[in-house]
Structures are given as structure tokens and as C-alpha cells.
Protein backbone atom coordinates (compact mmCIF):
# COMPACT_ATOMS: atom_id res chain seq x y z
CA MET A 1 0.87 29.54 -20.04
CA HIS A 2 -0.54 26.56 -18.16
CA LYS A 3 1.73 25.82 -15.17
CA ILE A 4 1.81 22.22 -14.02
CA LEU A 5 3.34 21.50 -10.61
CA ILE A 6 4.94 18.06 -10.37
CA PRO A 7 6.27 17.01 -6.96
CA VAL A 8 8.86 14.23 -7.25
CA ASP A 9 10.12 12.01 -4.44
CA GLY A 10 12.18 9.35 -6.19
CA SER A 11 9.33 6.83 -6.33
CA VAL A 12 8.15 5.05 -9.45
CA HIS A 13 4.77 6.75 -8.95
CA SER A 14 6.29 10.23 -9.12
CA ILE A 15 8.18 9.31 -12.30
CA LYS A 16 4.91 8.05 -13.84
CA ALA A 17 3.27 11.31 -12.77
CA LEU A 18 6.09 13.24 -14.42
CA ARG A 19 5.52 11.35 -17.68
CA ILE A 20 1.80 12.20 -17.62
CA ALA A 21 2.49 15.84 -16.68
CA SER A 22 4.96 16.03 -19.57
CA ASP A 23 2.31 14.73 -21.97
CA LEU A 24 -0.16 17.32 -20.67
CA ALA A 25 2.42 20.10 -21.02
CA ALA A 26 3.18 19.06 -24.59
CA LYS A 27 -0.49 18.87 -25.57
CA TYR A 28 -1.56 22.15 -23.92
CA GLN A 29 1.62 24.23 -24.30
CA GLY A 30 2.22 24.03 -20.57
CA ARG A 31 5.31 24.39 -18.45
CA LEU A 32 6.35 21.96 -15.73
CA LEU A 33 7.33 23.23 -12.30
CA ILE A 34 9.30 20.33 -10.82
CA CYS A 35 9.65 20.32 -7.04
CA HIS A 36 10.99 18.07 -4.32
CA VAL A 37 10.29 18.24 -0.60
CA LEU A 38 13.22 17.21 1.58
CA LEU A 39 12.69 13.63 2.80
CA ARG A 40 13.14 14.48 6.49
CA GLY A 41 12.70 11.60 8.91
CA LYS A 42 13.78 8.97 6.38
CA ASP A 43 16.57 6.66 7.41
CA ALA A 44 19.21 5.17 5.13
CA SER A 45 17.25 1.98 4.44
CA ASP A 46 14.25 4.07 3.29
CA LEU A 47 16.52 6.07 0.99
CA MET A 48 18.17 2.95 -0.44
CA ALA A 49 14.68 1.57 -1.19
CA LEU A 50 13.80 4.57 -3.40
CA ASP A 51 13.25 3.62 -7.01
CA ILE A 52 15.83 6.23 -7.97
CA SER A 53 18.57 4.79 -5.74
CA GLY A 54 20.28 3.35 -8.83
CA GLN A 55 21.21 6.96 -9.67
CA PHE A 56 23.20 7.37 -6.44
CA ASP A 57 26.97 7.51 -6.89
CA ALA A 58 29.32 5.03 -5.20
CA PRO A 59 30.31 7.33 -2.28
CA LEU A 60 26.65 7.98 -1.45
CA HIS A 61 25.87 4.25 -1.61
CA LYS A 62 28.79 3.63 0.76
CA ILE A 63 27.57 6.24 3.26
CA LEU A 64 24.01 4.89 3.17
CA ASN A 65 25.12 1.27 3.51
CA LYS A 66 27.23 2.16 6.57
CA ALA A 67 24.27 4.02 8.07
CA VAL A 68 22.00 1.00 7.46
CA SER A 69 24.53 -1.33 9.13
CA ALA A 70 24.89 0.98 12.13
CA ASN A 71 21.14 1.63 12.35
CA LEU A 72 21.80 5.37 12.69
CA GLY A 73 18.22 6.60 12.36
CA PRO A 74 17.09 9.51 10.19
CA ALA A 75 19.58 10.70 7.57
CA PRO A 76 21.14 14.14 8.08
CA ASP A 77 19.94 17.08 5.98
CA LYS A 78 23.22 17.19 4.03
CA ILE A 79 22.57 13.68 2.67
CA LEU A 80 18.87 14.44 2.11
CA HIS A 81 19.77 17.56 0.10
CA LYS A 82 22.18 15.54 -2.05
CA ILE A 83 19.49 12.92 -2.70
CA GLY A 84 16.92 15.63 -3.35
CA GLN A 85 19.17 17.17 -5.98
CA ILE A 86 19.66 13.76 -7.63
CA ILE A 87 15.87 13.33 -7.72
CA LEU A 88 15.39 16.79 -9.25
CA ASP A 89 18.17 16.26 -11.80
CA HIS A 90 16.67 12.92 -12.83
CA ALA A 91 13.23 14.51 -13.24
CA ALA A 92 14.72 17.37 -15.27
CA ASP A 93 16.41 14.86 -17.58
CA LYS A 94 13.07 13.09 -18.08
CA ALA A 95 11.27 16.38 -18.81
CA ARG A 96 14.03 17.43 -21.20
CA SER A 97 13.75 14.12 -23.07
CA HIS A 98 10.01 14.78 -23.50
CA GLY A 99 10.84 18.14 -25.07
CA VAL A 100 8.67 20.20 -22.74
CA GLY A 101 9.43 23.45 -20.99
CA PHE A 102 10.23 23.08 -17.32
CA GLU A 103 11.74 24.70 -14.29
CA THR A 104 13.24 22.89 -11.32
CA LEU A 105 12.42 24.66 -8.10
CA PRO A 106 14.74 24.91 -5.10
CA ILE A 107 14.38 21.99 -2.67
CA LEU A 108 11.45 22.59 -0.36
CA THR A 109 11.37 21.84 3.35
CA GLY A 110 8.64 21.19 5.86
CA LYS A 111 5.62 18.97 5.82
CA PRO A 112 5.27 17.74 2.21
CA ALA A 113 1.59 18.62 1.70
CA ASP A 114 2.09 22.09 3.23
CA ALA A 115 5.10 22.78 1.00
CA ILE A 116 3.36 21.55 -2.17
CA VAL A 117 0.17 23.54 -1.56
CA SER A 118 2.18 26.64 -0.64
CA VAL A 119 4.30 26.55 -3.80
CA GLN A 120 1.20 25.85 -5.92
CA LYS A 121 -0.44 29.00 -4.59
CA GLU A 122 2.73 31.10 -4.76
CA LEU A 123 3.48 30.15 -8.39
CA GLU A 124 -0.18 29.99 -9.39
CA ALA A 125 0.09 26.51 -10.87
CA ALA A 126 -3.15 25.54 -12.60
CA THR A 127 -2.62 21.81 -12.09
CA ILE A 128 -0.80 19.48 -9.73
CA VAL A 129 0.12 16.03 -11.03
CA ILE A 130 1.23 13.90 -8.10
CA GLY A 131 2.16 10.28 -7.61
CA ALA A 132 -0.05 8.41 -5.17
CA ARG A 133 1.23 5.51 -3.13
CA GLY A 134 -1.12 3.85 -0.76
CA VAL A 135 -2.72 0.47 -0.46
CA THR A 136 -4.80 -0.73 2.45
CA PRO A 137 -4.15 -4.19 3.90
CA SER A 138 -7.12 -5.44 1.86
CA ASP A 139 -5.28 -4.43 -1.34
CA SER A 140 -7.89 -1.88 -2.33
CA SER A 141 -6.45 1.27 -3.83
CA THR A 142 -6.35 4.46 -1.81
CA PHE A 143 -4.56 7.75 -2.14
CA GLY A 144 -1.34 8.23 -0.22
CA SER A 145 -1.61 10.56 2.75
CA VAL A 146 0.36 13.38 1.09
CA SER A 147 -1.63 13.29 -2.14
CA GLN A 148 -4.89 13.07 -0.20
CA GLU A 149 -4.01 16.15 1.85
CA VAL A 150 -2.87 18.04 -1.25
CA PHE A 151 -6.18 17.22 -2.97
CA SER A 152 -8.21 18.50 -0.05
CA ARG A 153 -6.27 21.77 0.29
CA ALA A 154 -5.09 22.80 -3.19
CA SER A 155 -6.99 25.46 -5.07
CA CYS A 156 -6.37 23.90 -8.48
CA THR A 157 -7.00 20.76 -10.50
CA CYS A 158 -5.17 17.76 -9.01
CA ILE A 159 -4.35 14.54 -10.84
CA SER A 160 -3.19 11.44 -8.98
CA VAL A 161 -1.04 8.83 -10.69
CA LYS A 162 -0.52 5.32 -9.44
């Protein structure tokens, strides 16, 4: 079975990548391996700016809004884990609606590119489909730093989605 690793981070680019990975899985009888790397170092305003923030429940919105007002710095791991699970659940719902086989992996920690490449090797994923976010000041397209590092280090086919 063709294993397709799809890292999701709550961005519109990762949701687009999930849609493309789902299409590939359907066409080639593949299975999605959906992963999320903990968003360490992100503060509440970064988390509220995620495209998926509309999925956050009222108590989480309240906590994040207070943290933004108080300028508290990076969010604690407990909040990041909750957001990570929301991101994974949302991705699983999308995969389910596409009718493809999938597995959601436990939330990963560490440097995102390291975690993605490590899980790709461990699970022997044949393909990584990853959202790319990155635009230079001149508005020319570039790969995001995580996707660029994954491309240079992964031992499989990598597809970038913008």
C-alpha cells in the first residue's frame, strides 16, 4: 500500500495539501498518514491567526484572547496540544469525507522538519505532501523553510502545495 505522509499545521496550505493527498490516495489505493508537529514558540496571536482557528471552542478562544491582551509570549504546551488535536481532528474529518483510508499519528514534538523526516523514515512513507508557505518581499514564490528542509532531507517523493 502506498503510504502518503501529510503534515498539517492549521494553515490553508496544509488543508489544500490534504485535499491533493486524498486525491492521490483515492487514485492509487494509498493510505494517508496525517501528522502534526507541536507549534512550539507560537504565541496566542499566531494561534488565533491560524486558518483553523474558527474550529476552536469558546473557552479556548477566551484563553487565547486573554493571552493576546496580556502579551504573554509563547503558548504553553497544554494549549498547543489541544490546538494540535483540533488540527488533527479537522484533517481526519476532511480525509473521511474524501473516503480514503487514513491514520492520525500522535502529535509530534521537536523541530518540524526533523520530526516529519523522522516519521517518514520510520513509517516508510513513499510520498510526503506538504503545504508550502513562503513569499519573498518581491512577491516571487518560494518554498517555506520547513518544506524546503523536508525536501532536501527526505528519502521519498515530496510534493509541495501552495
